[in-house]
Amino acid sequence: MMPLEFSFVEKLNLVQARLRQEINFKPASFEELVHLDMDELDKTVCPAIVLAVSRSCGDQGQRSDALAETIQFIYMANQVHKLMKDDSDLAEELRQFPVLVGDLLYGKFFLHLCQEKLLQFLAPLAQVIGIMSEGGISRWLSRDKKLSKDEWLKIIEQECASLTAIAARLSAELASVSLPLQHQIEAFGLQLGMAWGASKQHLEEAVIQSILQKANDILTEISAETQLQLQPLRELYSFMVKQLSASRPLPEI
C-alpha cells in the first residue's frame, strides 16, 4: 500500500503507474517472464528519493519524474539479474529470461535518458551500475565466508547505497542547487541506502539505528545552512525509519 504520508504521493503514484506501463511486455507480462518479489521499500525508495529531493529543492518539473523512473529501472534491472541461476536441471527459458529482461530494463533506462534529454547523467549512472555489479561479485565471492560488519557494509554500499546516493545527487543537480549542497544531499541518500541494505542483510539493530542517525544529522545540517523546505526529505526519512522498523524480524522467545 502506498505511503500516504508523502506530500508528493500523487507524483509517486504517477511515476509508478508509468513504470507498470513500461514493463507490460507483449505478448507476456513482466510477472510471467520473471518472478521478482518486491516489497514496499523495493517499489518506493529509489523514486521517492528523487521526488523528495526535487520537491525540497523547488523542482517539480517532468524531468525529475523521468529521473525517478530511470533510477527505478536501474534498480529493477539489477534485482532481475540477481535472479540468474546456473542449476544443471534448470529449464533453459528460466535461465535466459532474467538476463534478457534485466538487459531490457537497462535499455529502458538509456532510452529514458535520451527521450527526456538527460544524457548528461549517463556517465555517472553507468559508473554506478558498474559499482553495483562489483558489489554483486563481492557478495558471490564471499558466499561461503563469514564476513565482518565492516565487510558487509562495504558490499552494501556498492550494491545498494551507491544507487540511492547518486539518485539524491542527480536530483539536486537537476534542481540547480549549489555543489556543496549536492554533496550533502548525496550523503543523505547514501545513508538511507546503507540503512536499507543493512536491514536487508539483517545486520544488528544498533548498526541500522546508527546509520539512520547519520542521515538525520545530515538533514539537521542542511536545515541550519539553507532555506530549503525540507518537509519532503523529512517525510522520506520518517518513512524509512518506520518501514525498516517494521521489516525487522521479531526476537525469538
C-alpha atoms as a PDB file:
ATOM      1  CA  MET A   1       0.000   0.000   0.000  1.00  0.00           C
ATOM      2  CA  MET A   2       1.387   3.408  -0.981  1.00  0.00           C
ATOM      3  CA  PRO A   3       2.658   5.543   1.923  1.00  0.00           C
ATOM      4  CA  LEU A   4       0.029   8.289   2.128  1.00  0.00           C
ATOM      5  CA  GLU A   5       2.163  10.471   4.424  1.00  0.00           C
ATOM      6  CA  PHE A   6       4.183  11.761   1.470  1.00  0.00           C
ATOM      7  CA  SER A   7       3.208  15.260   0.341  1.00  0.00           C
ATOM      8  CA  PHE A   8       4.350  14.200  -3.148  1.00  0.00           C
ATOM      9  CA  VAL A   9       2.292  10.984  -3.201  1.00  0.00           C
ATOM     10  CA  GLU A  10       0.468  11.986  -6.420  1.00  0.00           C
ATOM     11  CA  LYS A  11       3.784  12.302  -8.261  1.00  0.00           C
ATOM     12  CA  LEU A  12       4.980   8.997  -6.807  1.00  0.00           C
ATOM     13  CA  ASN A  13       1.768   7.284  -7.940  1.00  0.00           C
ATOM     14  CA  LEU A  14       2.226   8.734 -11.427  1.00  0.00           C
ATOM     15  CA  VAL A  15       5.836   7.514 -11.651  1.00  0.00           C
ATOM     16  CA  GLN A  16       4.874   4.013 -10.535  1.00  0.00           C
ATOM     17  CA  ALA A  17       1.947   3.899 -12.983  1.00  0.00           C
ATOM     18  CA  ARG A  18       4.313   4.772 -15.833  1.00  0.00           C
ATOM     19  CA  LEU A  19       6.747   2.123 -14.669  1.00  0.00           C
ATOM     20  CA  ARG A  20       3.991  -0.520 -14.704  1.00  0.00           C
ATOM     21  CA  GLN A  21       3.059   0.564 -18.226  1.00  0.00           C
ATOM     22  CA  GLU A  22       6.672   0.397 -19.426  1.00  0.00           C
ATOM     23  CA  ILE A  23       7.220  -3.168 -18.167  1.00  0.00           C
ATOM     24  CA  ASN A  24       3.966  -4.517 -19.599  1.00  0.00           C
ATOM     25  CA  PHE A  25       5.562  -6.638 -22.313  1.00  0.00           C
ATOM     26  CA  LYS A  26       3.672  -8.206 -25.210  1.00  0.00           C
ATOM     27  CA  PRO A  27       2.642 -10.970 -25.524  1.00  0.00           C
ATOM     28  CA  ALA A  28       3.807 -11.802 -21.974  1.00  0.00           C
ATOM     29  CA  SER A  29       3.569  -9.756 -18.806  1.00  0.00           C
ATOM     30  CA  PHE A  30       6.595  -8.898 -16.667  1.00  0.00           C
ATOM     31  CA  GLU A  31       5.422 -11.318 -13.953  1.00  0.00           C
ATOM     32  CA  GLU A  32       5.171 -14.178 -16.466  1.00  0.00           C
ATOM     33  CA  LEU A  33       8.793 -13.744 -17.517  1.00  0.00           C
ATOM     34  CA  VAL A  34      10.447 -13.243 -14.133  1.00  0.00           C
ATOM     35  CA  HIS A  35       9.281 -13.747 -10.571  1.00  0.00           C
ATOM     36  CA  LEU A  36      10.637 -10.648  -8.842  1.00  0.00           C
ATOM     37  CA  ASP A  37       9.230 -10.235  -5.353  1.00  0.00           C
ATOM     38  CA  MET A  38       9.329  -6.541  -4.481  1.00  0.00           C
ATOM     39  CA  ASP A  39       8.203  -5.233  -1.110  1.00  0.00           C
ATOM     40  CA  GLU A  40       7.110  -1.673  -0.307  1.00  0.00           C
ATOM     41  CA  LEU A  41      10.669  -0.447   0.063  1.00  0.00           C
ATOM     42  CA  ASP A  42      11.759  -2.018  -3.241  1.00  0.00           C
ATOM     43  CA  LYS A  43       8.935  -0.247  -5.058  1.00  0.00           C
ATOM     44  CA  THR A  44       9.236   3.094  -3.302  1.00  0.00           C
ATOM     45  CA  VAL A  45      12.716   4.038  -2.052  1.00  0.00           C
ATOM     46  CA  CYS A  46      14.520   4.940  -5.303  1.00  0.00           C
ATOM     47  CA  PRO A  47      11.776   7.036  -6.962  1.00  0.00           C
ATOM     48  CA  ALA A  48      10.832   8.581  -3.615  1.00  0.00           C
ATOM     49  CA  ILE A  49      14.396   9.794  -3.046  1.00  0.00           C
ATOM     50  CA  VAL A  50      14.382  11.567  -6.411  1.00  0.00           C
ATOM     51  CA  LEU A  51      10.971  13.142  -5.863  1.00  0.00           C
ATOM     52  CA  ALA A  52      11.662  14.152  -2.248  1.00  0.00           C
ATOM     53  CA  VAL A  53      14.954  15.831  -3.161  1.00  0.00           C
ATOM     54  CA  SER A  54      13.386  17.533  -6.172  1.00  0.00           C
ATOM     55  CA  ARG A  55      10.445  18.847  -4.154  1.00  0.00           C
ATOM     56  CA  SER A  56      12.698  20.065  -1.335  1.00  0.00           C
ATOM     57  CA  CYS A  57      14.903  21.888  -3.854  1.00  0.00           C
ATOM     58  CA  GLY A  58      11.904  23.535  -5.514  1.00  0.00           C
ATOM     59  CA  ASP A  59      11.968  21.425  -8.693  1.00  0.00           C
ATOM     60  CA  GLN A  60       8.610  19.886  -9.648  1.00  0.00           C
ATOM     61  CA  GLY A  61       9.196  19.523 -13.377  1.00  0.00           C
ATOM     62  CA  GLN A  62       8.647  16.484 -15.565  1.00  0.00           C
ATOM     63  CA  ARG A  63      12.369  15.795 -15.861  1.00  0.00           C
ATOM     64  CA  SER A  64      12.528  14.923 -12.171  1.00  0.00           C
ATOM     65  CA  ASP A  65       9.678  12.446 -12.734  1.00  0.00           C
ATOM     66  CA  ALA A  66      11.633  10.926 -15.617  1.00  0.00           C
ATOM     67  CA  LEU A  67      14.764  10.691 -13.465  1.00  0.00           C
ATOM     68  CA  ALA A  68      12.748   8.879 -10.777  1.00  0.00           C
ATOM     69  CA  GLU A  69      11.617   6.326 -13.359  1.00  0.00           C
ATOM     70  CA  THR A  70      15.155   5.973 -14.742  1.00  0.00           C
ATOM     71  CA  ILE A  71      16.670   5.247 -11.317  1.00  0.00           C
ATOM     72  CA  GLN A  72      13.978   2.640 -10.645  1.00  0.00           C
ATOM     73  CA  PHE A  73      14.676   0.928 -13.982  1.00  0.00           C
ATOM     74  CA  ILE A  74      18.314   0.567 -12.923  1.00  0.00           C
ATOM     75  CA  TYR A  75      17.327  -0.837  -9.529  1.00  0.00           C
ATOM     76  CA  MET A  76      14.885  -3.328 -11.051  1.00  0.00           C
ATOM     77  CA  ALA A  77      17.375  -4.416 -13.725  1.00  0.00           C
ATOM     78  CA  ASN A  78      19.948  -5.125 -11.029  1.00  0.00           C
ATOM     79  CA  GLN A  79      17.414  -7.103  -8.984  1.00  0.00           C
ATOM     80  CA  VAL A  80      16.301  -9.132 -12.020  1.00  0.00           C
ATOM     81  CA  HIS A  81      19.888 -10.033 -12.891  1.00  0.00           C
ATOM     82  CA  LYS A  82      20.283 -11.336  -9.332  1.00  0.00           C
ATOM     83  CA  LEU A  83      17.675 -13.992 -10.204  1.00  0.00           C
ATOM     84  CA  MET A  84      20.111 -15.684 -12.594  1.00  0.00           C
ATOM     85  CA  LYS A  85      20.950 -19.258 -11.622  1.00  0.00           C
ATOM     86  CA  ASP A  86      23.149 -21.893 -13.157  1.00  0.00           C
ATOM     87  CA  ASP A  87      21.498 -25.073 -11.830  1.00  0.00           C
ATOM     88  CA  SER A  88      22.060 -28.036 -14.125  1.00  0.00           C
ATOM     89  CA  ASP A  89      18.378 -29.035 -14.062  1.00  0.00           C
ATOM     90  CA  LEU A  90      17.052 -25.505 -14.715  1.00  0.00           C
ATOM     91  CA  ALA A  91      14.838 -25.088 -17.796  1.00  0.00           C
ATOM     92  CA  GLU A  92      16.565 -23.013 -20.480  1.00  0.00           C
ATOM     93  CA  GLU A  93      13.870 -20.317 -20.555  1.00  0.00           C
ATOM     94  CA  LEU A  94      14.186 -19.841 -16.790  1.00  0.00           C
ATOM     95  CA  ARG A  95      17.927 -19.475 -17.225  1.00  0.00           C
ATOM     96  CA  GLN A  96      17.663 -16.925 -20.026  1.00  0.00           C
ATOM     97  CA  PHE A  97      14.687 -14.758 -19.029  1.00  0.00           C
ATOM     98  CA  PRO A  98      16.388 -12.917 -16.111  1.00  0.00           C
ATOM     99  CA  VAL A  99      19.276 -11.999 -18.419  1.00  0.00           C
ATOM    100  CA  LEU A 100      17.013 -10.793 -21.221  1.00  0.00           C
ATOM    101  CA  VAL A 101      14.512  -8.953 -19.013  1.00  0.00           C
ATOM    102  CA  GLY A 102      17.265  -7.317 -16.964  1.00  0.00           C
ATOM    103  CA  ASP A 103      19.027  -6.162 -20.131  1.00  0.00           C
ATOM    104  CA  LEU A 104      15.732  -4.783 -21.440  1.00  0.00           C
ATOM    105  CA  LEU A 105      15.270  -2.738 -18.263  1.00  0.00           C
ATOM    106  CA  TYR A 106      18.793  -1.376 -18.627  1.00  0.00           C
ATOM    107  CA  GLY A 107      17.856  -0.464 -22.201  1.00  0.00           C
ATOM    108  CA  LYS A 108      14.786   1.385 -20.942  1.00  0.00           C
ATOM    109  CA  PHE A 109      16.952   3.386 -18.547  1.00  0.00           C
ATOM    110  CA  PHE A 110      19.078   4.560 -21.501  1.00  0.00           C
ATOM    111  CA  LEU A 111      16.017   5.250 -23.667  1.00  0.00           C
ATOM    112  CA  HIS A 112      14.519   7.388 -20.895  1.00  0.00           C
ATOM    113  CA  LEU A 113      17.681   9.466 -20.658  1.00  0.00           C
ATOM    114  CA  CYS A 114      17.522  10.094 -24.406  1.00  0.00           C
ATOM    115  CA  GLN A 115      13.810  10.893 -24.517  1.00  0.00           C
ATOM    116  CA  GLU A 116      13.905  13.288 -21.563  1.00  0.00           C
ATOM    117  CA  LYS A 117      17.177  14.998 -22.591  1.00  0.00           C
ATOM    118  CA  LEU A 118      19.004  13.741 -19.508  1.00  0.00           C
ATOM    119  CA  LEU A 119      22.024  12.294 -21.286  1.00  0.00           C
ATOM    120  CA  GLN A 120      24.346  14.404 -19.127  1.00  0.00           C
ATOM    121  CA  PHE A 121      23.588  11.843 -16.401  1.00  0.00           C
ATOM    122  CA  LEU A 122      24.627   8.822 -18.479  1.00  0.00           C
ATOM    123  CA  ALA A 123      28.264   8.732 -17.304  1.00  0.00           C
ATOM    124  CA  PRO A 124      27.579   8.861 -13.527  1.00  0.00           C
ATOM    125  CA  LEU A 125      24.723   6.363 -13.818  1.00  0.00           C
ATOM    126  CA  ALA A 126      26.817   3.975 -15.919  1.00  0.00           C
ATOM    127  CA  GLN A 127      29.578   4.229 -13.322  1.00  0.00           C
ATOM    128  CA  VAL A 128      27.137   3.370 -10.532  1.00  0.00           C
ATOM    129  CA  ILE A 129      25.832   0.354 -12.477  1.00  0.00           C
ATOM    130  CA  GLY A 130      29.423  -0.875 -12.579  1.00  0.00           C
ATOM    131  CA  ILE A 131      29.843  -0.309  -8.830  1.00  0.00           C
ATOM    132  CA  MET A 132      26.616  -2.218  -8.130  1.00  0.00           C
ATOM    133  CA  SER A 133      27.893  -5.114 -10.237  1.00  0.00           C
ATOM    134  CA  GLU A 134      31.191  -5.109  -8.340  1.00  0.00           C
ATOM    135  CA  GLY A 135      29.203  -5.375  -5.114  1.00  0.00           C
ATOM    136  CA  GLY A 136      27.280  -8.331  -6.504  1.00  0.00           C
ATOM    137  CA  ILE A 137      30.524 -10.062  -7.455  1.00  0.00           C
ATOM    138  CA  SER A 138      31.962  -9.425  -3.983  1.00  0.00           C
ATOM    139  CA  ARG A 139      28.829 -10.902  -2.426  1.00  0.00           C
ATOM    140  CA  TRP A 140      29.086 -14.007  -4.639  1.00  0.00           C
ATOM    141  CA  LEU A 141      32.789 -14.493  -3.880  1.00  0.00           C
ATOM    142  CA  SER A 142      32.025 -14.229  -0.155  1.00  0.00           C
ATOM    143  CA  ARG A 143      29.097 -16.663  -0.172  1.00  0.00           C
ATOM    144  CA  ASP A 144      30.944 -19.326   1.864  1.00  0.00           C
ATOM    145  CA  LYS A 145      32.699 -16.897   4.205  1.00  0.00           C
ATOM    146  CA  LYS A 146      31.691 -15.300   7.485  1.00  0.00           C
ATOM    147  CA  LEU A 147      32.043 -11.571   6.867  1.00  0.00           C
ATOM    148  CA  SER A 148      32.568  -8.886   9.487  1.00  0.00           C
ATOM    149  CA  LYS A 149      30.176  -5.953   9.879  1.00  0.00           C
ATOM    150  CA  ASP A 150      32.554  -3.634   8.015  1.00  0.00           C
ATOM    151  CA  GLU A 151      32.936  -6.114   5.148  1.00  0.00           C
ATOM    152  CA  TRP A 152      29.155  -6.357   4.803  1.00  0.00           C
ATOM    153  CA  LEU A 153      28.781  -2.593   4.915  1.00  0.00           C
ATOM    154  CA  LYS A 154      31.290  -2.243   2.072  1.00  0.00           C
ATOM    155  CA  ILE A 155      29.253  -4.631  -0.093  1.00  0.00           C
ATOM    156  CA  ILE A 156      26.014  -2.864   0.882  1.00  0.00           C
ATOM    157  CA  GLU A 157      27.500   0.499  -0.064  1.00  0.00           C
ATOM    158  CA  GLN A 158      28.348  -0.836  -3.525  1.00  0.00           C
ATOM    159  CA  GLU A 159      25.203  -2.860  -4.200  1.00  0.00           C
ATOM    160  CA  CYS A 160      22.535  -0.597  -2.744  1.00  0.00           C
ATOM    161  CA  ALA A 161      23.706   2.721  -1.313  1.00  0.00           C
ATOM    162  CA  SER A 162      25.663   3.778  -4.402  1.00  0.00           C
ATOM    163  CA  LEU A 163      22.359   3.989  -6.298  1.00  0.00           C
ATOM    164  CA  THR A 164      20.421   5.870  -3.615  1.00  0.00           C
ATOM    165  CA  ALA A 165      23.344   8.285  -3.273  1.00  0.00           C
ATOM    166  CA  ILE A 166      23.519   9.064  -6.998  1.00  0.00           C
ATOM    167  CA  ALA A 167      19.718   9.333  -7.128  1.00  0.00           C
ATOM    168  CA  ALA A 168      19.853  12.052  -4.475  1.00  0.00           C
ATOM    169  CA  ARG A 169      22.780  13.913  -6.014  1.00  0.00           C
ATOM    170  CA  LEU A 170      21.471  13.952  -9.585  1.00  0.00           C
ATOM    171  CA  SER A 171      18.089  15.156  -8.348  1.00  0.00           C
ATOM    172  CA  ALA A 172      19.815  18.027  -6.573  1.00  0.00           C
ATOM    173  CA  GLU A 173      21.916  18.764  -9.644  1.00  0.00           C
ATOM    174  CA  LEU A 174      18.788  18.794 -11.810  1.00  0.00           C
ATOM    175  CA  ALA A 175      17.326  21.361  -9.412  1.00  0.00           C
ATOM    176  CA  SER A 176      20.454  23.529  -9.890  1.00  0.00           C
ATOM    177  CA  VAL A 177      21.404  23.803  -6.223  1.00  0.00           C
ATOM    178  CA  SER A 178      25.000  24.542  -5.179  1.00  0.00           C
ATOM    179  CA  LEU A 179      27.680  21.855  -5.422  1.00  0.00           C
ATOM    180  CA  PRO A 180      28.271  21.682  -1.628  1.00  0.00           C
ATOM    181  CA  LEU A 181      24.537  21.168  -1.112  1.00  0.00           C
ATOM    182  CA  GLN A 182      24.516  18.469  -3.804  1.00  0.00           C
ATOM    183  CA  HIS A 183      27.196  16.624  -1.848  1.00  0.00           C
ATOM    184  CA  GLN A 184      25.252  16.930   1.407  1.00  0.00           C
ATOM    185  CA  ILE A 185      22.121  15.572  -0.239  1.00  0.00           C
ATOM    186  CA  GLU A 186      24.169  12.780  -1.809  1.00  0.00           C
ATOM    187  CA  ALA A 187      25.480  11.857   1.654  1.00  0.00           C
ATOM    188  CA  PHE A 188      21.888  11.745   2.928  1.00  0.00           C
ATOM    189  CA  GLY A 189      20.905   9.406   0.083  1.00  0.00           C
ATOM    190  CA  LEU A 190      23.927   7.222   0.808  1.00  0.00           C
ATOM    191  CA  GLN A 191      22.956   6.789   4.459  1.00  0.00           C
ATOM    192  CA  LEU A 192      19.366   5.877   3.557  1.00  0.00           C
ATOM    193  CA  GLY A 193      20.691   3.229   1.171  1.00  0.00           C
ATOM    194  CA  MET A 194      23.109   1.921   3.794  1.00  0.00           C
ATOM    195  CA  ALA A 195      20.303   1.552   6.351  1.00  0.00           C
ATOM    196  CA  TRP A 196      18.068  -0.138   3.764  1.00  0.00           C
ATOM    197  CA  GLY A 197      20.797  -2.564   2.731  1.00  0.00           C
ATOM    198  CA  ALA A 198      21.794  -3.279   6.343  1.00  0.00           C
ATOM    199  CA  SER A 199      18.181  -4.164   7.110  1.00  0.00           C
ATOM    200  CA  LYS A 200      18.015  -6.482   4.086  1.00  0.00           C
ATOM    201  CA  GLN A 201      21.185  -8.175   5.308  1.00  0.00           C
ATOM    202  CA  HIS A 202      19.724  -8.465   8.841  1.00  0.00           C
ATOM    203  CA  LEU A 203      22.584  -6.600  10.479  1.00  0.00           C
ATOM    204  CA  GLU A 204      22.180  -5.622  14.122  1.00  0.00           C
ATOM    205  CA  GLU A 205      19.547  -3.062  15.037  1.00  0.00           C
ATOM    206  CA  ALA A 206      22.210  -0.836  16.589  1.00  0.00           C
ATOM    207  CA  VAL A 207      24.031  -0.677  13.242  1.00  0.00           C
ATOM    208  CA  ILE A 208      20.879   0.373  11.392  1.00  0.00           C
ATOM    209  CA  GLN A 209      19.953   2.967  14.012  1.00  0.00           C
ATOM    210  CA  SER A 210      23.467   4.420  13.884  1.00  0.00           C
ATOM    211  CA  ILE A 211      23.211   4.819  10.109  1.00  0.00           C
ATOM    212  CA  LEU A 212      19.777   6.409  10.349  1.00  0.00           C
ATOM    213  CA  GLN A 213      21.109   8.845  12.950  1.00  0.00           C
ATOM    214  CA  LYS A 214      23.803   9.920  10.475  1.00  0.00           C
ATOM    215  CA  ALA A 215      21.077  10.580   7.897  1.00  0.00           C
ATOM    216  CA  ASN A 216      19.137  12.662  10.424  1.00  0.00           C
ATOM    217  CA  ASP A 217      22.280  14.615  11.356  1.00  0.00           C
ATOM    218  CA  ILE A 218      22.781  15.492   7.682  1.00  0.00           C
ATOM    219  CA  LEU A 219      19.202  16.788   7.466  1.00  0.00           C
ATOM    220  CA  THR A 220      19.854  18.924  10.551  1.00  0.00           C
ATOM    221  CA  GLU A 221      22.986  20.381   8.922  1.00  0.00           C
ATOM    222  CA  ILE A 222      21.125  21.156   5.698  1.00  0.00           C
ATOM    223  CA  SER A 223      18.322  22.805   7.658  1.00  0.00           C
ATOM    224  CA  ALA A 224      20.779  25.032   9.544  1.00  0.00           C
ATOM    225  CA  GLU A 225      22.715  26.080   6.433  1.00  0.00           C
ATOM    226  CA  THR A 226      19.985  26.570   3.807  1.00  0.00           C
ATOM    227  CA  GLN A 227      16.465  27.882   3.308  1.00  0.00           C
ATOM    228  CA  LEU A 228      15.223  24.677   1.682  1.00  0.00           C
ATOM    229  CA  GLN A 229      11.772  23.386   2.524  1.00  0.00           C
ATOM    230  CA  LEU A 230      12.819  20.027   3.946  1.00  0.00           C
ATOM    231  CA  GLN A 231       9.394  18.553   4.635  1.00  0.00           C
ATOM    232  CA  PRO A 232       9.591  16.039   1.735  1.00  0.00           C
ATOM    233  CA  LEU A 233      13.030  14.838   2.890  1.00  0.00           C
ATOM    234  CA  ARG A 234      11.807  14.521   6.464  1.00  0.00           C
ATOM    235  CA  GLU A 235       8.773  12.573   5.211  1.00  0.00           C
ATOM    236  CA  LEU A 236      11.129  10.242   3.363  1.00  0.00           C
ATOM    237  CA  TYR A 237      13.321   9.825   6.445  1.00  0.00           C
ATOM    238  CA  SER A 238      10.291   9.055   8.643  1.00  0.00           C
ATOM    239  CA  PHE A 239       9.002   6.562   6.075  1.00  0.00           C
ATOM    240  CA  MET A 240      12.357   4.761   6.031  1.00  0.00           C
ATOM    241  CA  VAL A 241      12.539   4.652   9.833  1.00  0.00           C
ATOM    242  CA  LYS A 242       9.024   3.242  10.041  1.00  0.00           C
ATOM    243  CA  GLN A 243       9.476   0.698   7.256  1.00  0.00           C
ATOM    244  CA  LEU A 244      12.863  -0.528   8.454  1.00  0.00           C
ATOM    245  CA  SER A 245      11.493  -0.996  11.958  1.00  0.00           C
ATOM    246  CA  ALA A 246       8.509  -2.921  10.600  1.00  0.00           C
ATOM    247  CA  SER A 247      10.741  -5.160   8.469  1.00  0.00           C
ATOM    248  CA  ARG A 248      12.876  -6.351  11.391  1.00  0.00           C
ATOM    249  CA  PRO A 249      12.142  -9.927  12.478  1.00  0.00           C
ATOM    250  CA  LEU A 250      10.685 -10.369  15.949  1.00  0.00           C
ATOM    251  CA  PRO A 251      13.159 -11.676  18.541  1.00  0.00           C
ATOM    252  CA  GLU A 252      12.912 -15.354  19.312  1.00  0.00           C
ATOM    253  CA  ILE A 253      11.180 -16.231  22.572  1.00  0.00           C
END
